[in-house]
PDB file of N, CA and C in Angstrom:
ATOM      1  N   MET A   1     -16.431  11.391  33.293  1.00  0.00           N
ATOM      2  CA  MET A   1     -17.272  10.912  31.968  1.00  0.00           C
ATOM      3  C   MET A   1     -16.852  11.863  31.200  1.00  0.00           C
ATOM      4  N   TYR A   2     -16.804  11.447  29.779  1.00  0.00           N
ATOM      5  CA  TYR A   2     -16.359  11.844  28.949  1.00  0.00           C
ATOM      6  C   TYR A   2     -17.577  11.984  27.884  1.00  0.00           C
ATOM      7  N   LEU A   3     -17.782  13.508  26.662  1.00  0.00           N
ATOM      8  CA  LEU A   3     -18.498  12.850  25.775  1.00  0.00           C
ATOM      9  C   LEU A   3     -17.392  12.866  24.550  1.00  0.00           C
ATOM     10  N   ILE A   4     -18.009  12.531  22.882  1.00  0.00           N
ATOM     11  CA  ILE A   4     -17.909  12.763  22.277  1.00  0.00           C
ATOM     12  C   ILE A   4     -18.035  13.365  21.143  1.00  0.00           C
ATOM     13  N   LYS A   5     -17.575  14.182  20.215  1.00  0.00           N
ATOM     14  CA  LYS A   5     -17.885  15.365  19.503  1.00  0.00           C
ATOM     15  C   LYS A   5     -17.422  14.367  18.368  1.00  0.00           C
ATOM     16  N   SER A   6     -17.581  14.341  17.274  1.00  0.00           N
ATOM     17  CA  SER A   6     -17.153  13.158  16.271  1.00  0.00           C
ATOM     18  C   SER A   6     -18.051  13.779  14.938  1.00  0.00           C
ATOM     19  N   ILE A   7     -17.267  14.226  13.720  1.00  0.00           N
ATOM     20  CA  ILE A   7     -17.549  14.205  12.879  1.00  0.00           C
ATOM     21  C   ILE A   7     -16.899  13.429  11.849  1.00  0.00           C
ATOM     22  N   CYS A   8     -17.414  12.556  10.685  1.00  0.00           N
ATOM     23  CA  CYS A   8     -16.696  11.456   9.890  1.00  0.00           C
ATOM     24  C   CYS A   8     -16.658  12.108   8.492  1.00  0.00           C
ATOM     25  N   VAL A   9     -16.040  11.657   7.618  1.00  0.00           N
ATOM     26  CA  VAL A   9     -15.783  12.112   6.586  1.00  0.00           C
ATOM     27  C   VAL A   9     -15.468  11.109   5.591  1.00  0.00           C
ATOM     28  N   ALA A  10     -16.004  10.808   4.837  1.00  0.00           N
ATOM     29  CA  ALA A  10     -15.492   9.433   3.440  1.00  0.00           C
ATOM     30  C   ALA A  10     -15.212  10.163   2.174  1.00  0.00           C
ATOM     31  N   SER A  11     -14.042   9.454   1.985  1.00  0.00           N
ATOM     32  CA  SER A  11     -13.130   9.749   0.142  1.00  0.00           C
ATOM     33  C   SER A  11     -12.971   8.918  -0.363  1.00  0.00           C
ATOM     34  N   ALA A  12     -13.887   8.371  -1.860  1.00  0.00           N
ATOM     35  CA  ALA A  12     -13.400   7.254  -2.230  1.00  0.00           C
ATOM     36  C   ALA A  12     -11.730   7.570  -2.889  1.00  0.00           C
ATOM     37  N   VAL A  13     -11.435   6.276  -2.855  1.00  0.00           N
ATOM     38  CA  VAL A  13      -9.782   6.299  -3.513  1.00  0.00           C
ATOM     39  C   VAL A  13     -10.243   5.012  -4.701  1.00  0.00           C
ATOM     40  N   ILE A  14      -9.638   5.372  -5.878  1.00  0.00           N
ATOM     41  CA  ILE A  14      -9.874   4.685  -6.999  1.00  0.00           C
ATOM     42  C   ILE A  14      -8.658   3.266  -6.985  1.00  0.00           C
ATOM     43  N   PHE A  15      -8.596   2.362  -7.134  1.00  0.00           N
ATOM     44  CA  PHE A  15      -7.509   1.451  -6.952  1.00  0.00           C
ATOM     45  C   PHE A  15      -7.175   0.816  -8.017  1.00  0.00           C
ATOM     46  N   SER A  16      -6.294   0.114  -8.329  1.00  0.00           N
ATOM     47  CA  SER A  16      -6.563  -0.876  -9.597  1.00  0.00           C
ATOM     48  C   SER A  16      -6.890  -2.066  -9.438  1.00  0.00           C
ATOM     49  N   SER A  17      -7.287  -2.878 -10.214  1.00  0.00           N
ATOM     50  CA  SER A  17      -8.100  -4.447  -9.879  1.00  0.00           C
ATOM     51  C   SER A  17      -7.458  -5.446  -9.030  1.00  0.00           C
ATOM     52  N   LEU A  18      -6.102  -4.943  -9.166  1.00  0.00           N
ATOM     53  CA  LEU A  18      -5.197  -5.989  -8.062  1.00  0.00           C
ATOM     54  C   LEU A  18      -5.375  -5.504  -6.425  1.00  0.00           C
ATOM     55  N   ALA A  19      -5.797  -4.712  -6.118  1.00  0.00           N
ATOM     56  CA  ALA A  19      -6.082  -4.116  -4.894  1.00  0.00           C
ATOM     57  C   ALA A  19      -6.585  -5.097  -3.367  1.00  0.00           C
ATOM     58  N   SER A  20      -5.982  -4.886  -2.939  1.00  0.00           N
ATOM     59  CA  SER A  20      -6.093  -5.888  -1.327  1.00  0.00           C
ATOM     60  C   SER A  20      -8.379  -5.564  -0.877  1.00  0.00           C
ATOM     61  N   ALA A  21      -8.616  -6.528  -0.586  1.00  0.00           N
ATOM     62  CA  ALA A  21      -9.997  -6.476  -0.673  1.00  0.00           C
ATOM     63  C   ALA A  21     -10.510  -5.645   0.904  1.00  0.00           C
ATOM     64  N   CYS A  22      -9.033  -5.845   1.600  1.00  0.00           N
ATOM     65  CA  CYS A  22      -8.775  -4.959   3.238  1.00  0.00           C
ATOM     66  C   CYS A  22      -8.113  -3.730   2.973  1.00  0.00           C
ATOM     67  N   SER A  23      -8.686  -3.012   2.461  1.00  0.00           N
ATOM     68  CA  SER A  23      -7.926  -1.614   2.143  1.00  0.00           C
ATOM     69  C   SER A  23      -8.319  -0.305   2.282  1.00  0.00           C
ATOM     70  N   ILE A  24      -8.979  -0.281   3.308  1.00  0.00           N
ATOM     71  CA  ILE A  24      -9.830   0.717   4.124  1.00  0.00           C
ATOM     72  C   ILE A  24      -8.819   1.311   4.931  1.00  0.00           C
ATOM     73  N   ASP A  25      -8.408   2.461   4.997  1.00  0.00           N
ATOM     74  CA  ASP A  25      -7.986   3.741   5.879  1.00  0.00           C
ATOM     75  C   ASP A  25      -8.849   4.509   7.038  1.00  0.00           C
ATOM     76  N   TYR A  26      -8.361   4.249   8.276  1.00  0.00           N
ATOM     77  CA  TYR A  26      -9.478   5.444   9.374  1.00  0.00           C
ATOM     78  C   TYR A  26      -8.564   6.314  10.044  1.00  0.00           C
ATOM     79  N   THR A  27      -8.623   7.281   9.650  1.00  0.00           N
ATOM     80  CA  THR A  27      -7.667   8.408  10.255  1.00  0.00           C
ATOM     81  C   THR A  27      -8.378   9.351  11.660  1.00  0.00           C
ATOM     82  N   ILE A  28      -8.493   9.540  12.660  1.00  0.00           N
ATOM     83  CA  ILE A  28      -9.088  10.120  13.696  1.00  0.00           C
ATOM     84  C   ILE A  28      -8.072  11.306  14.401  1.00  0.00           C
ATOM     85  N   HIS A  29      -8.602  12.240  14.491  1.00  0.00           N
ATOM     86  CA  HIS A  29      -8.347  13.334  14.821  1.00  0.00           C
ATOM     87  C   HIS A  29      -8.717  13.864  16.189  1.00  0.00           C
ATOM     88  N   LEU A  30      -7.991  13.396  17.691  1.00  0.00           N
ATOM     89  CA  LEU A  30      -8.648  13.197  18.407  1.00  0.00           C
ATOM     90  C   LEU A  30      -8.220  14.436  19.377  1.00  0.00           C
ATOM     91  N   GLU A  31      -9.045  14.760  19.879  1.00  0.00           N
ATOM     92  CA  GLU A  31      -8.227  16.132  21.381  1.00  0.00           C
ATOM     93  C   GLU A  31      -8.825  15.735  22.271  1.00  0.00           C
ATOM     94  N   THR A  32      -8.265  14.887  23.376  1.00  0.00           N
ATOM     95  CA  THR A  32      -7.985  15.134  24.727  1.00  0.00           C
ATOM     96  C   THR A  32      -7.971  15.880  25.875  1.00  0.00           C
ATOM     97  N   PHE A  33      -7.259  16.926  25.740  1.00  0.00           N
ATOM     98  CA  PHE A  33      -6.594  17.913  26.886  1.00  0.00           C
ATOM     99  C   PHE A  33      -5.949  17.025  27.245  1.00  0.00           C
ATOM    100  N   GLY A  34      -4.826  16.580  26.784  1.00  0.00           N
ATOM    101  CA  GLY A  34      -3.765  16.409  27.570  1.00  0.00           C
ATOM    102  C   GLY A  34      -4.013  14.711  28.116  1.00  0.00           C
ATOM    103  N   GLU A  35      -5.022  14.150  28.154  1.00  0.00           N
ATOM    104  CA  GLU A  35      -5.420  13.186  29.002  1.00  0.00           C
ATOM    105  C   GLU A  35      -5.073  11.909  28.514  1.00  0.00           C
ATOM    106  N   GLY A  36      -4.190  10.769  28.485  1.00  0.00           N
ATOM    107  CA  GLY A  36      -3.844   9.356  27.695  1.00  0.00           C
ATOM    108  C   GLY A  36      -5.491   8.698  27.490  1.00  0.00           C
ATOM    109  N   VAL A  37      -5.857   8.109  26.331  1.00  0.00           N
ATOM    110  CA  VAL A  37      -7.099   7.360  26.800  1.00  0.00           C
ATOM    111  C   VAL A  37      -6.291   6.337  25.831  1.00  0.00           C
ATOM    112  N   LEU A  38      -7.707   5.372  26.057  1.00  0.00           N
ATOM    113  CA  LEU A  38      -7.797   4.011  25.548  1.00  0.00           C
ATOM    114  C   LEU A  38      -8.530   4.120  24.075  1.00  0.00           C
ATOM    115  N   VAL A  39      -7.889   4.271  22.544  1.00  0.00           N
ATOM    116  CA  VAL A  39      -8.970   4.279  21.354  1.00  0.00           C
ATOM    117  C   VAL A  39      -8.888   2.918  21.347  1.00  0.00           C
ATOM    118  N   GLU A  40     -10.235   1.719  21.290  1.00  0.00           N
ATOM    119  CA  GLU A  40     -10.460   0.955  20.499  1.00  0.00           C
ATOM    120  C   GLU A  40     -11.457   1.058  19.082  1.00  0.00           C
ATOM    121  N   LEU A  41     -10.889   0.739  17.958  1.00  0.00           N
ATOM    122  CA  LEU A  41     -11.491   0.176  17.096  1.00  0.00           C
ATOM    123  C   LEU A  41     -12.088  -1.168  17.147  1.00  0.00           C
ATOM    124  N   ARG A  42     -13.582  -0.779  17.049  1.00  0.00           N
ATOM    125  CA  ARG A  42     -14.236  -2.428  17.060  1.00  0.00           C
ATOM    126  C   ARG A  42     -15.055  -2.329  16.179  1.00  0.00           C
ATOM    127  N   ALA A  43     -15.221  -3.674  15.416  1.00  0.00           N
ATOM    128  CA  ALA A  43     -15.956  -4.471  13.710  1.00  0.00           C
ATOM    129  C   ALA A  43     -17.361  -4.706  14.571  1.00  0.00           C
ATOM    130  N   GLY A  44     -18.184  -4.298  14.241  1.00  0.00           N
ATOM    131  CA  GLY A  44     -19.794  -5.204  14.943  1.00  0.00           C
ATOM    132  C   GLY A  44     -20.473  -3.838  15.417  1.00  0.00           C
ATOM    133  N   GLN A  45     -21.504  -4.252  16.266  1.00  0.00           N
ATOM    134  CA  GLN A  45     -21.943  -3.591  16.528  1.00  0.00           C
ATOM    135  C   GLN A  45     -22.190  -3.369  18.101  1.00  0.00           C
ATOM    136  N   PRO A  46     -22.250  -2.596  18.948  1.00  0.00           N
ATOM    137  CA  PRO A  46     -22.335  -2.848  20.451  1.00  0.00           C
ATOM    138  C   PRO A  46     -23.296  -4.066  20.780  1.00  0.00           C
ATOM    139  N   GLY A  47     -22.644  -4.750  21.848  1.00  0.00           N
ATOM    140  CA  GLY A  47     -22.999  -5.824  21.935  1.00  0.00           C
ATOM    141  C   GLY A  47     -22.842  -7.226  21.391  1.00  0.00           C
ATOM    142  N   SER A  48     -22.251  -6.757  20.219  1.00  0.00           N
ATOM    143  CA  SER A  48     -22.134  -7.929  19.703  1.00  0.00           C
ATOM    144  C   SER A  48     -20.480  -7.579  18.490  1.00  0.00           C
ATOM    145  N   SER A  49     -19.729  -7.040  19.294  1.00  0.00           N
ATOM    146  CA  SER A  49     -18.367  -6.622  18.496  1.00  0.00           C
ATOM    147  C   SER A  49     -17.173  -7.402  19.209  1.00  0.00           C
ATOM    148  N   ARG A  50     -15.858  -7.055  18.306  1.00  0.00           N
ATOM    149  CA  ARG A  50     -14.448  -7.213  18.446  1.00  0.00           C
ATOM    150  C   ARG A  50     -13.722  -6.469  18.665  1.00  0.00           C
ATOM    151  N   VAL A  51     -12.652  -6.137  19.190  1.00  0.00           N
ATOM    152  CA  VAL A  51     -11.212  -4.859  19.339  1.00  0.00           C
ATOM    153  C   VAL A  51     -11.122  -5.718  18.041  1.00  0.00           C
ATOM    154  N   VAL A  52     -10.709  -4.600  16.687  1.00  0.00           N
ATOM    155  CA  VAL A  52     -10.031  -5.049  15.531  1.00  0.00           C
ATOM    156  C   VAL A  52      -8.234  -4.519  16.523  1.00  0.00           C
ATOM    157  N   LYS A  53      -8.290  -3.288  16.606  1.00  0.00           N
ATOM    158  CA  LYS A  53      -7.134  -2.815  16.869  1.00  0.00           C
ATOM    159  C   LYS A  53      -7.097  -1.621  17.825  1.00  0.00           C
ATOM    160  N   ALA A  54      -6.397  -1.632  18.938  1.00  0.00           N
ATOM    161  CA  ALA A  54      -6.460  -0.596  19.675  1.00  0.00           C
ATOM    162  C   ALA A  54      -5.337   0.111  19.881  1.00  0.00           C
ATOM    163  N   THR A  55      -5.113   1.375  20.763  1.00  0.00           N
ATOM    164  CA  THR A  55      -4.044   2.262  20.928  1.00  0.00           C
ATOM    165  C   THR A  55      -4.423   3.263  21.604  1.00  0.00           C
ATOM    166  N   ARG A  56      -3.241   4.120  22.825  1.00  0.00           N
ATOM    167  CA  ARG A  56      -3.568   4.565  23.701  1.00  0.00           C
ATOM    168  C   ARG A  56      -2.563   5.620  22.943  1.00  0.00           C
ATOM    169  N   SER A  57      -4.011   6.954  23.158  1.00  0.00           N
ATOM    170  CA  SER A  57      -3.211   8.421  23.082  1.00  0.00           C
ATOM    171  C   SER A  57      -3.408   9.519  23.594  1.00  0.00           C
ATOM    172  N   ASN A  58      -2.658  10.314  23.687  1.00  0.00           N
ATOM    173  CA  ASN A  58      -2.843  12.034  24.302  1.00  0.00           C
ATOM    174  C   ASN A  58      -3.575  12.993  23.636  1.00  0.00           C
ATOM    175  N   GLY A  59      -4.289  12.550  22.529  1.00  0.00           N
ATOM    176  CA  GLY A  59      -4.051  13.381  21.791  1.00  0.00           C
ATOM    177  C   GLY A  59      -3.612  13.644  20.309  1.00  0.00           C
ATOM    178  N   GLY A  60      -4.286  13.715  19.345  1.00  0.00           N
ATOM    179  CA  GLY A  60      -3.394  14.055  18.165  1.00  0.00           C
ATOM    180  C   GLY A  60      -4.376  13.469  16.901  1.00  0.00           C
ATOM    181  N   THR A  61      -3.009  12.350  16.065  1.00  0.00           N
ATOM    182  CA  THR A  61      -3.487  11.619  14.852  1.00  0.00           C
ATOM    183  C   THR A  61      -3.867  10.184  15.397  1.00  0.00           C
ATOM    184  N   VAL A  62      -4.285   9.316  15.052  1.00  0.00           N
ATOM    185  CA  VAL A  62      -4.627   8.198  15.716  1.00  0.00           C
ATOM    186  C   VAL A  62      -4.939   7.576  14.119  1.00  0.00           C
ATOM    187  N   HIS A  63      -4.372   6.673  13.892  1.00  0.00           N
ATOM    188  CA  HIS A  63      -4.353   5.921  12.335  1.00  0.00           C
ATOM    189  C   HIS A  63      -4.719   4.314  12.288  1.00  0.00           C
ATOM    190  N   PHE A  64      -5.839   3.758  11.828  1.00  0.00           N
ATOM    191  CA  PHE A  64      -6.144   2.083  11.673  1.00  0.00           C
ATOM    192  C   PHE A  64      -5.777   2.132  10.077  1.00  0.00           C
ATOM    193  N   SER A  65      -5.394   1.264  10.193  1.00  0.00           N
ATOM    194  CA  SER A  65      -5.127   0.869   8.780  1.00  0.00           C
ATOM    195  C   SER A  65      -5.337  -0.486   7.931  1.00  0.00           C
ATOM    196  N   SER A  66      -5.544  -0.965   6.489  1.00  0.00           N
ATOM    197  CA  SER A  66      -5.685  -2.276   6.342  1.00  0.00           C
ATOM    198  C   SER A  66      -7.088  -2.712   6.708  1.00  0.00           C
ATOM    199  N   LEU A  67      -8.063  -2.580   6.440  1.00  0.00           N
ATOM    200  CA  LEU A  67      -9.256  -2.330   7.328  1.00  0.00           C
ATOM    201  C   LEU A  67     -10.463  -2.875   6.089  1.00  0.00           C
ATOM    202  N   CYS A  68     -10.834  -4.226   6.397  1.00  0.00           N
ATOM    203  CA  CYS A  68     -11.668  -4.606   5.749  1.00  0.00           C
ATOM    204  C   CYS A  68     -13.128  -3.797   6.057  1.00  0.00           C
ATOM    205  N   PRO A  69     -13.831  -4.405   4.844  1.00  0.00           N
ATOM    206  CA  PRO A  69     -15.178  -3.684   4.554  1.00  0.00           C
ATOM    207  C   PRO A  69     -16.181  -4.331   5.995  1.00  0.00           C
ATOM    208  N   GLY A  70     -16.798  -3.256   5.778  1.00  0.00           N
ATOM    209  CA  GLY A  70     -18.685  -3.614   7.338  1.00  0.00           C
ATOM    210  C   GLY A  70     -18.403  -2.025   8.565  1.00  0.00           C
ATOM    211  N   PRO A  71     -19.159  -3.679   9.242  1.00  0.00           N
ATOM    212  CA  PRO A  71     -19.479  -1.909  10.489  1.00  0.00           C
ATOM    213  C   PRO A  71     -18.701  -1.878  11.373  1.00  0.00           C
ATOM    214  N   TYR A  72     -17.939  -0.585  11.554  1.00  0.00           N
ATOM    215  CA  TYR A  72     -17.309  -0.067  12.786  1.00  0.00           C
ATOM    216  C   TYR A  72     -17.844   1.016  13.956  1.00  0.00           C
ATOM    217  N   PHE A  73     -16.910   1.044  14.916  1.00  0.00           N
ATOM    218  CA  PHE A  73     -17.134   2.200  15.752  1.00  0.00           C
ATOM    219  C   PHE A  73     -15.879   1.977  16.417  1.00  0.00           C
ATOM    220  N   VAL A  74     -16.071   3.522  17.474  1.00  0.00           N
ATOM    221  CA  VAL A  74     -14.871   3.698  18.362  1.00  0.00           C
ATOM    222  C   VAL A  74     -15.385   3.528  19.915  1.00  0.00           C
ATOM    223  N   ALA A  75     -14.034   2.609  20.573  1.00  0.00           N
ATOM    224  CA  ALA A  75     -15.020   3.209  21.866  1.00  0.00           C
ATOM    225  C   ALA A  75     -13.092   3.429  22.895  1.00  0.00           C
ATOM    226  N   ILE A  76     -14.084   4.972  23.560  1.00  0.00           N
ATOM    227  CA  ILE A  76     -12.704   5.742  23.895  1.00  0.00           C
ATOM    228  C   ILE A  76     -12.728   5.811  25.564  1.00  0.00           C
ATOM    229  N   GLY A  77     -11.656   5.351  26.479  1.00  0.00           N
ATOM    230  CA  GLY A  77     -11.852   5.458  27.592  1.00  0.00           C
ATOM    231  C   GLY A  77     -11.034   4.517  28.503  1.00  0.00           C
ATOM    232  N   ASN A  78     -10.382   5.046  29.659  1.00  0.00           N
ATOM    233  CA  ASN A  78      -9.684   4.167  30.529  1.00  0.00           C
ATOM    234  C   ASN A  78     -10.824   3.181  31.676  1.00  0.00           C
ATOM    235  N   ASP A  79     -11.561   3.970  31.817  1.00  0.00           N
ATOM    236  CA  ASP A  79     -12.559   3.150  32.934  1.00  0.00           C
ATOM    237  C   ASP A  79     -13.533   1.690  32.245  1.00  0.00           C
ATOM    238  N   ASP A  80     -14.630   1.115  32.664  1.00  0.00           N
ATOM    239  CA  ASP A  80     -15.041  -0.020  32.458  1.00  0.00           C
ATOM    240  C   ASP A  80     -16.403   0.462  31.692  1.00  0.00           C
ATOM    241  N   SER A  81     -16.695   2.102  31.736  1.00  0.00           N
ATOM    242  CA  SER A  81     -17.475   2.857  31.476  1.00  0.00           C
ATOM    243  C   SER A  81     -16.621   3.360  30.154  1.00  0.00           C
ATOM    244  N   VAL A  82     -16.918   3.638  28.815  1.00  0.00           N
ATOM    245  CA  VAL A  82     -16.567   4.187  27.531  1.00  0.00           C
ATOM    246  C   VAL A  82     -17.327   5.336  26.934  1.00  0.00           C
ATOM    247  N   SER A  83     -16.704   5.904  26.002  1.00  0.00           N
ATOM    248  CA  SER A  83     -18.004   6.565  25.276  1.00  0.00           C
ATOM    249  C   SER A  83     -17.592   5.965  24.043  1.00  0.00           C
ATOM    250  N   VAL A  84     -18.651   6.039  23.411  1.00  0.00           N
ATOM    251  CA  VAL A  84     -19.129   5.034  22.041  1.00  0.00           C
ATOM    252  C   VAL A  84     -19.384   5.906  20.999  1.00  0.00           C
ATOM    253  N   THR A  85     -19.024   6.111  19.597  1.00  0.00           N
ATOM    254  CA  THR A  85     -19.256   6.404  18.732  1.00  0.00           C
ATOM    255  C   THR A  85     -20.452   5.683  18.006  1.00  0.00           C
ATOM    256  N   GLN A  86     -21.119   6.245  16.879  1.00  0.00           N
ATOM    257  CA  GLN A  86     -21.985   5.359  16.136  1.00  0.00           C
ATOM    258  C   GLN A  86     -21.809   4.677  15.438  1.00  0.00           C
ATOM    259  N   THR A  87     -22.101   3.702  14.820  1.00  0.00           N
ATOM    260  CA  THR A  87     -21.255   2.557  13.887  1.00  0.00           C
ATOM    261  C   THR A  87     -21.442   3.096  12.308  1.00  0.00           C
ATOM    262  N   ARG A  88     -20.544   2.983  12.474  1.00  0.00           N
ATOM    263  CA  ARG A  88     -20.380   3.627  10.563  1.00  0.00           C
ATOM    264  C   ARG A  88     -20.264   2.029   9.662  1.00  0.00           C
ATOM    265  N   PHE A  89     -20.930   1.999   7.999  1.00  0.00           N
ATOM    266  CA  PHE A  89     -20.155   1.083   7.580  1.00  0.00           C
ATOM    267  C   PHE A  89     -19.289   1.608   6.595  1.00  0.00           C
ATOM    268  N   PHE A  90     -18.291   0.826   6.782  1.00  0.00           N
ATOM    269  CA  PHE A  90     -17.103   1.793   6.064  1.00  0.00           C
ATOM    270  C   PHE A  90     -17.167   0.435   4.573  1.00  0.00           C
ATOM    271  N   GLU A  91     -16.223   1.045   3.412  1.00  0.00           N
ATOM    272  CA  GLU A  91     -16.805   0.301   2.044  1.00  0.00           C
ATOM    273  C   GLU A  91     -15.134   0.168   1.834  1.00  0.00           C
ATOM    274  N   ASP A  92     -15.353  -0.719   0.646  1.00  0.00           N
ATOM    275  CA  ASP A  92     -13.389  -1.005   0.799  1.00  0.00           C
ATOM    276  C   ASP A  92     -13.690   0.325  -0.275  1.00  0.00           C
ATOM    277  N   ASN A  93     -11.987  -0.057  -0.340  1.00  0.00           N
ATOM    278  CA  ASN A  93     -11.388   1.262  -1.306  1.00  0.00           C
ATOM    279  C   ASN A  93     -11.500   2.656  -1.220  1.00  0.00           C
ATOM    280  N   ALA A  94     -11.740   2.963   0.676  1.00  0.00           N
ATOM    281  CA  ALA A  94     -12.308   4.182   1.104  1.00  0.00           C
ATOM    282  C   ALA A  94     -10.662   4.714   1.974  1.00  0.00           C
ATOM    283  N   ARG A  95     -11.066   6.012   2.022  1.00  0.00           N
ATOM    284  CA  ARG A  95     -10.303   6.200   3.296  1.00  0.00           C
ATOM    285  C   ARG A  95     -11.295   7.419   3.858  1.00  0.00           C
ATOM    286  N   TYR A  96     -11.403   6.855   5.413  1.00  0.00           N
ATOM    287  CA  TYR A  96     -12.188   7.583   6.074  1.00  0.00           C
ATOM    288  C   TYR A  96     -11.436   8.794   7.385  1.00  0.00           C
ATOM    289  N   THR A  97     -12.112   9.791   7.763  1.00  0.00           N
ATOM    290  CA  THR A  97     -11.619  10.652   8.712  1.00  0.00           C
ATOM    291  C   THR A  97     -12.366  11.234   9.454  1.00  0.00           C
ATOM    292  N   SER A  98     -12.190  10.936  11.180  1.00  0.00           N
ATOM    293  CA  SER A  98     -13.116  11.473  12.518  1.00  0.00           C
ATOM    294  C   SER A  98     -12.322  12.588  12.556  1.00  0.00           C
ATOM    295  N   ARG A  99     -12.830  13.607  13.187  1.00  0.00           N
ATOM    296  CA  ARG A  99     -12.103  14.482  14.188  1.00  0.00           C
ATOM    297  C   ARG A  99     -13.128  14.101  15.071  1.00  0.00           C
ATOM    298  N   ILE A 100     -12.377  13.811  16.533  1.00  0.00           N
ATOM    299  CA  ILE A 100     -13.178  13.617  17.624  1.00  0.00           C
ATOM    300  C   ILE A 100     -12.460  14.791  18.971  1.00  0.00           C
ATOM    301  N   THR A 101     -13.500  15.164  19.638  1.00  0.00           N
ATOM    302  CA  THR A 101     -13.089  15.918  20.801  1.00  0.00           C
ATOM    303  C   THR A 101     -13.754  15.295  22.327  1.00  0.00           C
ATOM    304  N   MET A 102     -12.470  15.009  23.225  1.00  0.00           N
ATOM    305  CA  MET A 102     -13.748  14.580  24.470  1.00  0.00           C
ATOM    306  C   MET A 102     -13.471  15.532  25.104  1.00  0.00           C
ATOM    307  N   GLN A 103     -14.749  15.901  25.942  1.00  0.00           N
ATOM    308  CA  GLN A 103     -15.077  16.699  26.824  1.00  0.00           C
ATOM    309  C   GLN A 103     -15.912  15.977  27.878  1.00  0.00           C
ATOM    310  N   ARG A 104     -15.966  16.740  28.771  1.00  0.00           N
ATOM    311  CA  ARG A 104     -16.181  16.214  29.880  1.00  0.00           C
ATOM    312  C   ARG A 104     -17.818  16.590  30.237  1.00  0.00           C
ATOM    313  N   GLY A 105     -18.712  15.526  30.587  1.00  0.00           N
ATOM    314  CA  GLY A 105     -19.607  16.157  31.149  1.00  0.00           C
ATOM    315  C   GLY A 105     -20.784  14.967  29.898  1.00  0.00           C
ATOM    316  N   SER A 106     -22.012  15.705  29.889  1.00  0.00           N
ATOM    317  CA  SER A 106     -23.367  14.757  28.722  1.00  0.00           C
ATOM    318  C   SER A 106     -23.363  15.169  27.509  1.00  0.00           C
ATOM    319  N   GLY A 107     -23.704  14.369  26.701  1.00  0.00           N
ATOM    320  CA  GLY A 107     -23.741  14.807  25.720  1.00  0.00           C
ATOM    321  C   GLY A 107     -24.697  13.752  24.323  1.00  0.00           C
ATOM    322  N   ASN A 108     -24.005  13.730  23.086  1.00  0.00           N
ATOM    323  CA  ASN A 108     -24.919  12.758  22.162  1.00  0.00           C
ATOM    324  C   ASN A 108     -24.522  11.717  21.604  1.00  0.00           C
ATOM    325  N   VAL A 109     -22.974  11.454  22.832  1.00  0.00           N
ATOM    326  CA  VAL A 109     -23.165   9.919  22.256  1.00  0.00           C
ATOM    327  C   VAL A 109     -23.512   9.113  23.536  1.00  0.00           C
ATOM    328  N   SER A 110     -23.365   8.060  23.358  1.00  0.00           N
ATOM    329  CA  SER A 110     -23.476   6.705  24.382  1.00  0.00           C
ATOM    330  C   SER A 110     -22.619   6.843  25.171  1.00  0.00           C
ATOM    331  N   ARG A 111     -22.626   6.352  26.511  1.00  0.00           N
ATOM    332  CA  ARG A 111     -21.805   5.684  27.848  1.00  0.00           C
ATOM    333  C   ARG A 111     -22.453   4.242  27.907  1.00  0.00           C
ATOM    334  N   GLN A 112     -20.988   3.431  27.943  1.00  0.00           N
ATOM    335  CA  GLN A 112     -21.466   1.949  27.781  1.00  0.00           C
ATOM    336  C   GLN A 112     -20.466   1.802  28.265  1.00  0.00           C
ATOM    337  N   SER A 113     -20.570   0.048  29.164  1.00  0.00           N
ATOM    338  CA  SER A 113     -19.914  -0.835  29.930  1.00  0.00           C
ATOM    339  C   SER A 113     -19.012  -1.239  28.559  1.00  0.00           C
ATOM    340  N   ARG A 114     -17.696  -1.248  28.488  1.00  0.00           N
ATOM    341  CA  ARG A 114     -16.473  -1.939  28.143  1.00  0.00           C
ATOM    342  C   ARG A 114     -17.275  -3.896  27.490  1.00  0.00           C
ATOM    343  N   LYS A 115     -17.840  -4.186  28.805  1.00  0.00           N
ATOM    344  CA  LYS A 115     -17.835  -5.505  29.034  1.00  0.00           C
ATOM    345  C   LYS A 115     -19.432  -5.863  28.123  1.00  0.00           C
ATOM    346  N   SER A 116     -20.196  -4.775  27.409  1.00  0.00           N
ATOM    347  CA  SER A 116     -21.037  -4.412  27.184  1.00  0.00           C
ATOM    348  C   SER A 116     -21.038  -4.842  25.868  1.00  0.00           C
ATOM    349  N   LEU A 117     -19.701  -4.408  25.054  1.00  0.00           N
ATOM    350  CA  LEU A 117     -19.617  -4.245  23.610  1.00  0.00           C
ATOM    351  C   LEU A 117     -18.895  -5.371  23.068  1.00  0.00           C
TER     352      LEU A 117
END
């Protein structure tokens, strides 16, 4: 079992009036202690979400781009039971950054069945 310590920072970016409606960037600095994990960016709320993008990571930087405004959360793990971050609303024309550290044990993030997401 893993827990996630997550810090999310948003910064506004000013674009011209021709900017695309799906111009959000989200960068995660992920520490996994060398273990490869599946990182899913999900749109919506747990219980009614969909995978927007997914990638495998052994730690380091995970980047998601061209996202549209809306609620997102991250599910991390290789098993049916995954670590889930809080849902955050991403606003257009912004860049978001999170630092997530995977640790064995329990903490302040929920564990949920991937099927329930």
